[in-house]
Amino acid sequence: MSYSIDNPGDLTVGPDGAIWVTGHGPNYVARVSAAGAIHLFATPTQNGKRGGITTGPDGNLWFGELQGGHIGRLSTAGTFTMFALPRSASVSNMAVGADRALWFGEPEVSRLGRITTDGTVSEISLSTQADPTFVAAASDGSTWFTEPQANRIGKYSRDGSVKEYPLPHTGSAPWEITTASDNTVWFTERDGNRIGRISADGSMTEFAVPTPKAIPWAIAASSTGDIWFTEFAETANRITRLTPDGHFLELAIPTPASNPSGIVVQDPKTIWFVENSGHHVSRLNVPRAS
């Protein structure tokens, strides 16, 4: 099932059970109810080009701006509060850490960012070559991040140490990242056409996507252990499941050339994703294992 929304960027399951969506170009955050009703909330900042959105530990929605230098907090009643970042960095996504703060990357200035639910921002400097873009939080308190240009996966531990792990293949461009229930970390390789898995000690395993040049993009983990990701390329245009033992199931999206970007697992039987060029927010009912 699909719902028409102009140029959606990312999505999350809200504390109210609805699906909340950022507008990648338009100045809105949208709410899609269980019945399919859509309500648009106009954002206070113009031309901010909203990035990722997530549900915070405080019961609010939190989102970043790719342009504009803000992080936004939105209540389920529709009240916005905007927090200016010290360096006007772009924020692709955010992840809730074990410390109940929200973590994010600042690729232009080689820093990790952290914002508490009251809006206090702090930053952690990384190596000058680092470009932390997407982040994921693990239950042990560590924050993992992708470095597309440096071709590395980074890990920031709660003791303040930073480790960076080069990918086995050059030019892979690790992109979005997520943590699974067993604390393994999974990521897409946008240019390498692979899905990667990295354990706490930095050991990696890679899985080649069956469709050539699929541009694996967004990624999410299910409580079943399955990994779901989008194939962004217009010639691919699929939502794909990867099982823990390495089996792929690729599912074609009915809308041609839809450029599926964000993806979220609502429950083991329900996957939601956005079609950036298709201008839809869509729901996938998970097929039986095959």
C-alpha atoms as a PDB file:
ATOM      1  CA  MET A   1       0.000   0.000   0.000  1.00  0.00           C
ATOM      2  CA  SER A   2       1.287   3.481  -0.887  1.00  0.00           C
ATOM      3  CA  TYR A   3       0.421   7.025   0.179  1.00  0.00           C
ATOM      4  CA  SER A   4       1.225  10.073  -1.949  1.00  0.00           C
ATOM      5  CA  ILE A   5       3.658  12.530  -0.354  1.00  0.00           C
ATOM      6  CA  ASP A   6       5.802  15.023  -2.225  1.00  0.00           C
ATOM      7  CA  ASN A   7       9.545  14.217  -2.264  1.00  0.00           C
ATOM      8  CA  PRO A   8       9.769  12.203   0.992  1.00  0.00           C
ATOM      9  CA  GLY A   9      13.217  11.759   2.501  1.00  0.00           C
ATOM     10  CA  ASP A  10      13.199   9.514   5.588  1.00  0.00           C
ATOM     11  CA  LEU A  11      10.739   7.983   8.022  1.00  0.00           C
ATOM     12  CA  THR A  12      10.323   6.482  11.472  1.00  0.00           C
ATOM     13  CA  VAL A  13       7.688   4.800  13.602  1.00  0.00           C
ATOM     14  CA  GLY A  14       6.495   7.417  16.057  1.00  0.00           C
ATOM     15  CA  PRO A  15       5.656   6.955  19.739  1.00  0.00           C
ATOM     16  CA  ASP A  16       1.987   7.153  18.723  1.00  0.00           C
ATOM     17  CA  GLY A  17       2.323   4.230  16.293  1.00  0.00           C
ATOM     18  CA  ALA A  18       1.998   6.494  13.251  1.00  0.00           C
ATOM     19  CA  ILE A  19       4.631   6.825  10.531  1.00  0.00           C
ATOM     20  CA  TRP A  20       6.431  10.169  10.519  1.00  0.00           C
ATOM     21  CA  VAL A  21       8.141  11.365   7.348  1.00  0.00           C
ATOM     22  CA  THR A  22      10.545  14.185   6.506  1.00  0.00           C
ATOM     23  CA  GLY A  23      10.219  16.160   3.304  1.00  0.00           C
ATOM     24  CA  HIS A  24      13.530  15.991   1.456  1.00  0.00           C
ATOM     25  CA  GLY A  25      12.805  19.195  -0.430  1.00  0.00           C
ATOM     26  CA  PRO A  26       9.482  20.591   0.803  1.00  0.00           C
ATOM     27  CA  ASN A  27       9.374  22.238   4.217  1.00  0.00           C
ATOM     28  CA  TYR A  28       7.300  19.747   6.152  1.00  0.00           C
ATOM     29  CA  VAL A  29       7.225  16.751   8.441  1.00  0.00           C
ATOM     30  CA  ALA A  30       4.303  14.449   7.669  1.00  0.00           C
ATOM     31  CA  ARG A  31       2.327  12.059   9.848  1.00  0.00           C
ATOM     32  CA  VAL A  32       0.679   9.007   8.277  1.00  0.00           C
ATOM     33  CA  SER A  33      -1.885   7.420  10.590  1.00  0.00           C
ATOM     34  CA  ALA A  34      -2.712   3.727  10.742  1.00  0.00           C
ATOM     35  CA  ALA A  35      -5.837   4.504   8.708  1.00  0.00           C
ATOM     36  CA  GLY A  36      -3.764   6.291   6.049  1.00  0.00           C
ATOM     37  CA  ALA A  37      -4.687   9.871   6.950  1.00  0.00           C
ATOM     38  CA  ILE A  38      -1.854  12.290   6.154  1.00  0.00           C
ATOM     39  CA  HIS A  39      -1.205  15.488   8.074  1.00  0.00           C
ATOM     40  CA  LEU A  40       1.597  17.901   7.120  1.00  0.00           C
ATOM     41  CA  PHE A  41       3.366  20.042   9.715  1.00  0.00           C
ATOM     42  CA  ALA A  42       5.168  23.044   8.201  1.00  0.00           C
ATOM     43  CA  THR A  43       8.702  23.396   9.560  1.00  0.00           C
ATOM     44  CA  PRO A  44       9.846  26.733  11.048  1.00  0.00           C
ATOM     45  CA  THR A  45      13.024  26.917   8.944  1.00  0.00           C
ATOM     46  CA  GLN A  46      12.802  27.322   5.180  1.00  0.00           C
ATOM     47  CA  ASN A  47      14.950  25.471   2.644  1.00  0.00           C
ATOM     48  CA  GLY A  48      16.475  23.322   5.367  1.00  0.00           C
ATOM     49  CA  LYS A  49      16.156  20.139   3.319  1.00  0.00           C
ATOM     50  CA  ARG A  50      15.219  17.754   6.112  1.00  0.00           C
ATOM     51  CA  GLY A  51      17.372  14.653   6.579  1.00  0.00           C
ATOM     52  CA  GLY A  52      16.770  11.658   8.821  1.00  0.00           C
ATOM     53  CA  ILE A  53      14.081  11.409  11.480  1.00  0.00           C
ATOM     54  CA  THR A  54      13.879   9.228  14.568  1.00  0.00           C
ATOM     55  CA  THR A  55      11.817   8.832  17.711  1.00  0.00           C
ATOM     56  CA  GLY A  56      13.606  10.161  20.761  1.00  0.00           C
ATOM     57  CA  PRO A  57      13.605   8.736  24.279  1.00  0.00           C
ATOM     58  CA  ASP A  58      11.464  11.692  25.356  1.00  0.00           C
ATOM     59  CA  GLY A  59       8.519  10.713  23.142  1.00  0.00           C
ATOM     60  CA  ASN A  60       9.215  13.422  20.569  1.00  0.00           C
ATOM     61  CA  LEU A  61      10.303  13.195  16.929  1.00  0.00           C
ATOM     62  CA  TRP A  62      13.823  14.406  16.172  1.00  0.00           C
ATOM     63  CA  PHE A  63      15.163  15.291  12.734  1.00  0.00           C
ATOM     64  CA  GLY A  64      18.235  16.830  11.148  1.00  0.00           C
ATOM     65  CA  GLU A  65      18.681  19.315   8.353  1.00  0.00           C
ATOM     66  CA  LEU A  66      20.964  18.673   5.389  1.00  0.00           C
ATOM     67  CA  GLN A  67      20.996  22.449   4.888  1.00  0.00           C
ATOM     68  CA  GLY A  68      20.262  25.108   7.454  1.00  0.00           C
ATOM     69  CA  GLY A  69      22.357  23.944  10.395  1.00  0.00           C
ATOM     70  CA  HIS A  70      19.569  22.870  12.760  1.00  0.00           C
ATOM     71  CA  ILE A  71      18.254  19.859  14.581  1.00  0.00           C
ATOM     72  CA  GLY A  72      14.518  19.868  15.108  1.00  0.00           C
ATOM     73  CA  ARG A  73      12.320  18.455  17.838  1.00  0.00           C
ATOM     74  CA  LEU A  74       8.647  17.882  17.058  1.00  0.00           C
ATOM     75  CA  SER A  75       5.966  16.799  19.503  1.00  0.00           C
ATOM     76  CA  THR A  76       3.183  14.497  18.348  1.00  0.00           C
ATOM     77  CA  ALA A  77       0.860  17.497  18.819  1.00  0.00           C
ATOM     78  CA  GLY A  78       2.800  19.399  16.151  1.00  0.00           C
ATOM     79  CA  THR A  79       4.981  21.773  18.201  1.00  0.00           C
ATOM     80  CA  PHE A  80       8.457  22.444  16.791  1.00  0.00           C
ATOM     81  CA  THR A  81      11.596  23.463  18.660  1.00  0.00           C
ATOM     82  CA  MET A  82      14.709  24.137  16.576  1.00  0.00           C
ATOM     83  CA  PHE A  83      18.275  23.924  17.905  1.00  0.00           C
ATOM     84  CA  ALA A  84      21.087  25.637  16.006  1.00  0.00           C
ATOM     85  CA  LEU A  85      24.305  23.658  15.577  1.00  0.00           C
ATOM     86  CA  PRO A  86      27.631  25.325  16.411  1.00  0.00           C
ATOM     87  CA  ARG A  87      29.098  24.779  12.937  1.00  0.00           C
ATOM     88  CA  SER A  88      26.024  24.705  10.686  1.00  0.00           C
ATOM     89  CA  ALA A  89      26.812  21.121   9.647  1.00  0.00           C
ATOM     90  CA  SER A  90      24.507  18.872   7.651  1.00  0.00           C
ATOM     91  CA  VAL A  91      22.835  16.046   9.598  1.00  0.00           C
ATOM     92  CA  SER A  92      21.884  12.962   7.586  1.00  0.00           C
ATOM     93  CA  ASN A  93      20.416  10.930  10.438  1.00  0.00           C
ATOM     94  CA  MET A  94      20.336  10.516  14.204  1.00  0.00           C
ATOM     95  CA  ALA A  95      20.429   7.541  16.556  1.00  0.00           C
ATOM     96  CA  VAL A  96      19.375   7.228  20.185  1.00  0.00           C
ATOM     97  CA  GLY A  97      22.298   6.156  22.328  1.00  0.00           C
ATOM     98  CA  ALA A  98      22.378   4.093  25.510  1.00  0.00           C
ATOM     99  CA  ASP A  99      22.851   7.424  27.320  1.00  0.00           C
ATOM    100  CA  ARG A 100      19.412   8.579  26.042  1.00  0.00           C
ATOM    101  CA  ALA A 101      21.001  11.340  23.975  1.00  0.00           C
ATOM    102  CA  LEU A 102      20.752  11.590  20.192  1.00  0.00           C
ATOM    103  CA  TRP A 103      23.943  11.119  18.187  1.00  0.00           C
ATOM    104  CA  PHE A 104      24.673  12.361  14.680  1.00  0.00           C
ATOM    105  CA  GLY A 105      27.507  12.866  12.222  1.00  0.00           C
ATOM    106  CA  GLU A 106      28.960  16.131  10.945  1.00  0.00           C
ATOM    107  CA  PRO A 107      30.911  15.049   7.851  1.00  0.00           C
ATOM    108  CA  GLU A 108      32.060  18.495   6.728  1.00  0.00           C
ATOM    109  CA  VAL A 109      33.880  19.196   9.996  1.00  0.00           C
ATOM    110  CA  SER A 110      35.004  15.638  10.927  1.00  0.00           C
ATOM    111  CA  ARG A 111      32.995  15.517  14.138  1.00  0.00           C
ATOM    112  CA  LEU A 112      30.415  13.403  15.882  1.00  0.00           C
ATOM    113  CA  GLY A 113      27.597  15.356  17.458  1.00  0.00           C
ATOM    114  CA  ARG A 114      25.474  14.640  20.525  1.00  0.00           C
ATOM    115  CA  ILE A 115      22.316  16.439  21.587  1.00  0.00           C
ATOM    116  CA  THR A 116      20.411  15.843  24.797  1.00  0.00           C
ATOM    117  CA  THR A 117      16.635  15.993  24.888  1.00  0.00           C
ATOM    118  CA  ASP A 118      16.826  19.506  26.401  1.00  0.00           C
ATOM    119  CA  GLY A 119      18.794  20.688  23.365  1.00  0.00           C
ATOM    120  CA  THR A 120      22.353  20.775  24.733  1.00  0.00           C
ATOM    121  CA  VAL A 121      24.819  20.089  21.905  1.00  0.00           C
ATOM    122  CA  SER A 122      28.357  18.750  22.259  1.00  0.00           C
ATOM    123  CA  GLU A 123      30.864  17.610  19.651  1.00  0.00           C
ATOM    124  CA  ILE A 124      33.666  15.047  19.440  1.00  0.00           C
ATOM    125  CA  SER A 125      36.575  15.721  17.090  1.00  0.00           C
ATOM    126  CA  LEU A 126      37.728  12.866  14.881  1.00  0.00           C
ATOM    127  CA  SER A 127      40.688  12.557  12.532  1.00  0.00           C
ATOM    128  CA  THR A 128      40.894  15.255   9.877  1.00  0.00           C
ATOM    129  CA  GLN A 129      40.222  12.661   7.167  1.00  0.00           C
ATOM    130  CA  ALA A 130      37.011  11.416   8.814  1.00  0.00           C
ATOM    131  CA  ASP A 131      33.627  12.148   7.243  1.00  0.00           C
ATOM    132  CA  PRO A 132      31.062  10.649   9.651  1.00  0.00           C
ATOM    133  CA  THR A 133      27.817  10.678   7.696  1.00  0.00           C
ATOM    134  CA  PHE A 134      25.327   8.122   9.056  1.00  0.00           C
ATOM    135  CA  VAL A 135      25.354   6.812  12.628  1.00  0.00           C
ATOM    136  CA  ALA A 136      23.968   3.890  14.621  1.00  0.00           C
ATOM    137  CA  ALA A 137      23.998   3.278  18.359  1.00  0.00           C
ATOM    138  CA  ALA A 138      24.727  -0.043  20.073  1.00  0.00           C
ATOM    139  CA  SER A 139      23.434  -1.176  23.452  1.00  0.00           C
ATOM    140  CA  ASP A 140      26.972  -1.233  24.904  1.00  0.00           C
ATOM    141  CA  GLY A 141      27.089   2.558  24.625  1.00  0.00           C
ATOM    142  CA  SER A 142      29.187   2.727  21.478  1.00  0.00           C
ATOM    143  CA  THR A 143      28.289   4.818  18.450  1.00  0.00           C
ATOM    144  CA  TRP A 144      29.122   3.508  14.989  1.00  0.00           C
ATOM    145  CA  PHE A 145      29.388   5.654  11.888  1.00  0.00           C
ATOM    146  CA  THR A 146      30.105   5.418   8.171  1.00  0.00           C
ATOM    147  CA  GLU A 147      32.845   7.338   6.383  1.00  0.00           C
ATOM    148  CA  PRO A 148      31.955   7.174   2.665  1.00  0.00           C
ATOM    149  CA  GLN A 149      34.916   9.138   1.326  1.00  0.00           C
ATOM    150  CA  ALA A 150      37.475   7.613   3.665  1.00  0.00           C
ATOM    151  CA  ASN A 151      35.946   4.154   2.998  1.00  0.00           C
ATOM    152  CA  ARG A 152      35.845   3.207   6.669  1.00  0.00           C
ATOM    153  CA  ILE A 153      33.513   2.257   9.480  1.00  0.00           C
ATOM    154  CA  GLY A 154      34.173   4.123  12.708  1.00  0.00           C
ATOM    155  CA  LYS A 155      33.395   3.274  16.314  1.00  0.00           C
ATOM    156  CA  TYR A 156      33.269   5.719  19.205  1.00  0.00           C
ATOM    157  CA  SER A 157      33.249   3.967  22.596  1.00  0.00           C
ATOM    158  CA  ARG A 158      31.876   5.403  25.801  1.00  0.00           C
ATOM    159  CA  ASP A 159      35.431   5.596  27.212  1.00  0.00           C
ATOM    160  CA  GLY A 160      36.175   8.198  24.541  1.00  0.00           C
ATOM    161  CA  SER A 161      38.286   6.008  22.276  1.00  0.00           C
ATOM    162  CA  VAL A 162      37.816   6.001  18.499  1.00  0.00           C
ATOM    163  CA  LYS A 163      38.620   3.143  16.149  1.00  0.00           C
ATOM    164  CA  GLU A 164      38.316   3.218  12.374  1.00  0.00           C
ATOM    165  CA  TYR A 165      38.127   0.083  10.239  1.00  0.00           C
ATOM    166  CA  PRO A 166      38.946   0.237   6.498  1.00  0.00           C
ATOM    167  CA  LEU A 167      36.645  -1.739   4.227  1.00  0.00           C
ATOM    168  CA  PRO A 168      38.162  -4.724   2.373  1.00  0.00           C
ATOM    169  CA  HIS A 169      37.451  -3.203  -1.062  1.00  0.00           C
ATOM    170  CA  THR A 170      38.492   0.290  -2.103  1.00  0.00           C
ATOM    171  CA  GLY A 171      35.832   2.713  -3.271  1.00  0.00           C
ATOM    172  CA  SER A 172      32.951   0.919  -1.528  1.00  0.00           C
ATOM    173  CA  ALA A 173      31.482   4.111  -0.017  1.00  0.00           C
ATOM    174  CA  PRO A 174      29.800   2.751   3.136  1.00  0.00           C
ATOM    175  CA  TRP A 175      26.530   4.605   3.459  1.00  0.00           C
ATOM    176  CA  GLU A 176      23.662   3.970   5.878  1.00  0.00           C
ATOM    177  CA  ILE A 177      24.174   1.886   9.016  1.00  0.00           C
ATOM    178  CA  THR A 178      22.095   0.080  11.654  1.00  0.00           C
ATOM    179  CA  THR A 179      22.500  -2.184  14.674  1.00  0.00           C
ATOM    180  CA  ALA A 180      20.841  -5.580  15.028  1.00  0.00           C
ATOM    181  CA  SER A 181      19.440  -7.142  18.195  1.00  0.00           C
ATOM    182  CA  ASP A 182      22.647  -9.177  18.663  1.00  0.00           C
ATOM    183  CA  ASN A 183      24.662  -5.923  18.632  1.00  0.00           C
ATOM    184  CA  THR A 184      26.236  -6.610  15.247  1.00  0.00           C
ATOM    185  CA  VAL A 185      26.390  -3.594  12.984  1.00  0.00           C
ATOM    186  CA  TRP A 186      25.187  -3.688   9.373  1.00  0.00           C
ATOM    187  CA  PHE A 187      25.750  -1.154   6.617  1.00  0.00           C
ATOM    188  CA  THR A 188      25.194  -0.596   2.927  1.00  0.00           C
ATOM    189  CA  GLU A 189      28.071  -0.152   0.488  1.00  0.00           C
ATOM    190  CA  ARG A 190      26.639   2.369  -1.915  1.00  0.00           C
ATOM    191  CA  ASP A 191      29.324   2.052  -4.582  1.00  0.00           C
ATOM    192  CA  GLY A 192      30.552  -1.436  -3.716  1.00  0.00           C
ATOM    193  CA  ASN A 193      27.095  -3.016  -4.216  1.00  0.00           C
ATOM    194  CA  ARG A 194      27.445  -5.017  -1.040  1.00  0.00           C
ATOM    195  CA  ILE A 195      25.952  -5.271   2.440  1.00  0.00           C
ATOM    196  CA  GLY A 196      28.522  -5.304   5.195  1.00  0.00           C
ATOM    197  CA  ARG A 197      28.465  -6.651   8.728  1.00  0.00           C
ATOM    198  CA  ILE A 198      30.968  -5.700  11.394  1.00  0.00           C
ATOM    199  CA  SER A 199      31.295  -7.164  14.868  1.00  0.00           C
ATOM    200  CA  ALA A 200      32.383  -5.394  18.043  1.00  0.00           C
ATOM    201  CA  ASP A 201      36.024  -6.358  17.461  1.00  0.00           C
ATOM    202  CA  GLY A 202      36.030  -4.916  13.929  1.00  0.00           C
ATOM    203  CA  SER A 203      35.896  -8.145  11.931  1.00  0.00           C
ATOM    204  CA  MET A 204      33.859  -7.732   8.733  1.00  0.00           C
ATOM    205  CA  THR A 205      31.781  -9.928   6.463  1.00  0.00           C
ATOM    206  CA  GLU A 206      30.412  -8.743   3.126  1.00  0.00           C
ATOM    207  CA  PHE A 207      27.470  -9.971   1.054  1.00  0.00           C
ATOM    208  CA  ALA A 208      27.273  -9.114  -2.652  1.00  0.00           C
ATOM    209  CA  VAL A 209      23.865  -7.791  -3.738  1.00  0.00           C
ATOM    210  CA  PRO A 210      22.472 -10.010  -6.549  1.00  0.00           C
ATOM    211  CA  THR A 211      21.372  -7.139  -8.791  1.00  0.00           C
ATOM    212  CA  PRO A 212      24.364  -5.369 -10.394  1.00  0.00           C
ATOM    213  CA  LYS A 213      24.838  -1.660  -9.658  1.00  0.00           C
ATOM    214  CA  ALA A 214      21.794  -1.652  -7.372  1.00  0.00           C
ATOM    215  CA  ILE A 215      23.099   1.203  -5.167  1.00  0.00           C
ATOM    216  CA  PRO A 216      22.120  -0.256  -1.780  1.00  0.00           C
ATOM    217  CA  TRP A 217      21.036   2.733   0.262  1.00  0.00           C
ATOM    218  CA  ALA A 218      18.925   2.676   3.436  1.00  0.00           C
ATOM    219  CA  ILE A 219      19.079  -0.230   5.874  1.00  0.00           C
ATOM    220  CA  ALA A 220      17.110  -1.456   8.903  1.00  0.00           C
ATOM    221  CA  ALA A 221      17.207  -4.509  11.156  1.00  0.00           C
ATOM    222  CA  SER A 222      14.239  -6.642  12.166  1.00  0.00           C
ATOM    223  CA  SER A 223      13.897  -8.411  15.511  1.00  0.00           C
ATOM    224  CA  THR A 224      13.869 -11.672  13.529  1.00  0.00           C
ATOM    225  CA  GLY A 225      17.526 -11.130  12.610  1.00  0.00           C
ATOM    226  CA  ASP A 226      16.684 -10.239   9.020  1.00  0.00           C
ATOM    227  CA  ILE A 227      18.166  -7.121   7.454  1.00  0.00           C
ATOM    228  CA  TRP A 228      16.096  -4.986   5.093  1.00  0.00           C
ATOM    229  CA  PHE A 229      17.515  -2.455   2.662  1.00  0.00           C
ATOM    230  CA  THR A 230      16.577  -0.385  -0.354  1.00  0.00           C
ATOM    231  CA  GLU A 231      18.079  -0.620  -3.843  1.00  0.00           C
ATOM    232  CA  PHE A 232      18.122   3.010  -4.902  1.00  0.00           C
ATOM    233  CA  ALA A 233      19.153   2.685  -8.552  1.00  0.00           C
ATOM    234  CA  GLU A 234      16.333   3.275 -11.031  1.00  0.00           C
ATOM    235  CA  THR A 235      17.295   0.058 -12.823  1.00  0.00           C
ATOM    236  CA  ALA A 236      17.084  -1.888  -9.541  1.00  0.00           C
ATOM    237  CA  ASN A 237      14.163  -0.278  -7.682  1.00  0.00           C
ATOM    238  CA  ARG A 238      13.734  -2.974  -5.049  1.00  0.00           C
ATOM    239  CA  ILE A 239      13.199  -3.614  -1.374  1.00  0.00           C
ATOM    240  CA  THR A 240      15.425  -6.497  -0.303  1.00  0.00           C
ATOM    241  CA  ARG A 241      15.675  -8.843   2.652  1.00  0.00           C
ATOM    242  CA  LEU A 242      18.972 -10.408   3.711  1.00  0.00           C
ATOM    243  CA  THR A 243      18.756 -13.278   6.158  1.00  0.00           C
ATOM    244  CA  PRO A 244      21.477 -13.875   8.797  1.00  0.00           C
ATOM    245  CA  ASP A 245      22.753 -16.861   6.793  1.00  0.00           C
ATOM    246  CA  GLY A 246      23.257 -14.725   3.687  1.00  0.00           C
ATOM    247  CA  HIS A 247      20.171 -15.344   1.539  1.00  0.00           C
ATOM    248  CA  PHE A 248      18.621 -12.477  -0.422  1.00  0.00           C
ATOM    249  CA  LEU A 249      15.000 -11.907  -1.374  1.00  0.00           C
ATOM    250  CA  GLU A 250      14.574  -8.986  -3.778  1.00  0.00           C
ATOM    251  CA  LEU A 251      11.097  -7.503  -4.160  1.00  0.00           C
ATOM    252  CA  ALA A 252      10.314  -5.172  -7.063  1.00  0.00           C
ATOM    253  CA  ILE A 253       8.557  -1.875  -6.309  1.00  0.00           C
ATOM    254  CA  PRO A 254       5.467  -1.330  -8.504  1.00  0.00           C
ATOM    255  CA  THR A 255       6.283   2.340  -9.171  1.00  0.00           C
ATOM    256  CA  PRO A 256       9.074   2.462 -11.786  1.00  0.00           C
ATOM    257  CA  ALA A 257      12.287   4.386 -11.053  1.00  0.00           C
ATOM    258  CA  SER A 258      11.033   5.382  -7.600  1.00  0.00           C
ATOM    259  CA  ASN A 259      14.470   5.739  -5.924  1.00  0.00           C
ATOM    260  CA  PRO A 260      13.576   4.098  -2.591  1.00  0.00           C
ATOM    261  CA  SER A 261      15.562   5.756   0.166  1.00  0.00           C
ATOM    262  CA  GLY A 262      14.488   5.567   3.843  1.00  0.00           C
ATOM    263  CA  ILE A 263      13.275   2.299   5.362  1.00  0.00           C
ATOM    264  CA  VAL A 264      11.970   1.300   8.787  1.00  0.00           C
ATOM    265  CA  VAL A 265      10.744  -1.952  10.350  1.00  0.00           C
ATOM    266  CA  GLN A 266       7.481  -1.340  12.192  1.00  0.00           C
ATOM    267  CA  ASP A 267       7.216  -4.981  13.259  1.00  0.00           C
ATOM    268  CA  PRO A 268       8.508  -8.276  11.801  1.00  0.00           C
ATOM    269  CA  LYS A 269       5.597  -8.388   9.351  1.00  0.00           C
ATOM    270  CA  THR A 270       5.490  -4.721   8.310  1.00  0.00           C
ATOM    271  CA  ILE A 271       8.143  -2.683   6.516  1.00  0.00           C
ATOM    272  CA  TRP A 272       7.722   0.958   5.520  1.00  0.00           C
ATOM    273  CA  PHE A 273       9.840   2.811   2.995  1.00  0.00           C
ATOM    274  CA  VAL A 274       9.871   6.062   1.053  1.00  0.00           C
ATOM    275  CA  GLU A 275       9.968   6.416  -2.710  1.00  0.00           C
ATOM    276  CA  ASN A 276      11.880   9.646  -3.133  1.00  0.00           C
ATOM    277  CA  SER A 277      11.257  10.118  -6.867  1.00  0.00           C
ATOM    278  CA  GLY A 278       8.029   8.128  -6.802  1.00  0.00           C
ATOM    279  CA  HIS A 279       6.563  10.565  -4.244  1.00  0.00           C
ATOM    280  CA  HIS A 280       5.131   7.798  -2.088  1.00  0.00           C
ATOM    281  CA  VAL A 281       5.377   6.426   1.411  1.00  0.00           C
ATOM    282  CA  SER A 282       4.777   2.701   1.042  1.00  0.00           C
ATOM    283  CA  ARG A 283       4.055  -0.280   3.251  1.00  0.00           C
ATOM    284  CA  LEU A 284       5.311  -3.777   2.547  1.00  0.00           C
ATOM    285  CA  ASN A 285       3.645  -6.766   4.149  1.00  0.00           C
ATOM    286  CA  VAL A 286       6.475  -9.225   4.642  1.00  0.00           C
ATOM    287  CA  PRO A 287       6.035 -12.419   2.607  1.00  0.00           C
ATOM    288  CA  ARG A 288       6.479 -15.797   4.172  1.00  0.00           C
ATOM    289  CA  ALA A 289      10.074 -17.004   4.375  1.00  0.00           C
ATOM    290  CA  SER A 290      11.267 -18.481   1.119  1.00  0.00           C
END
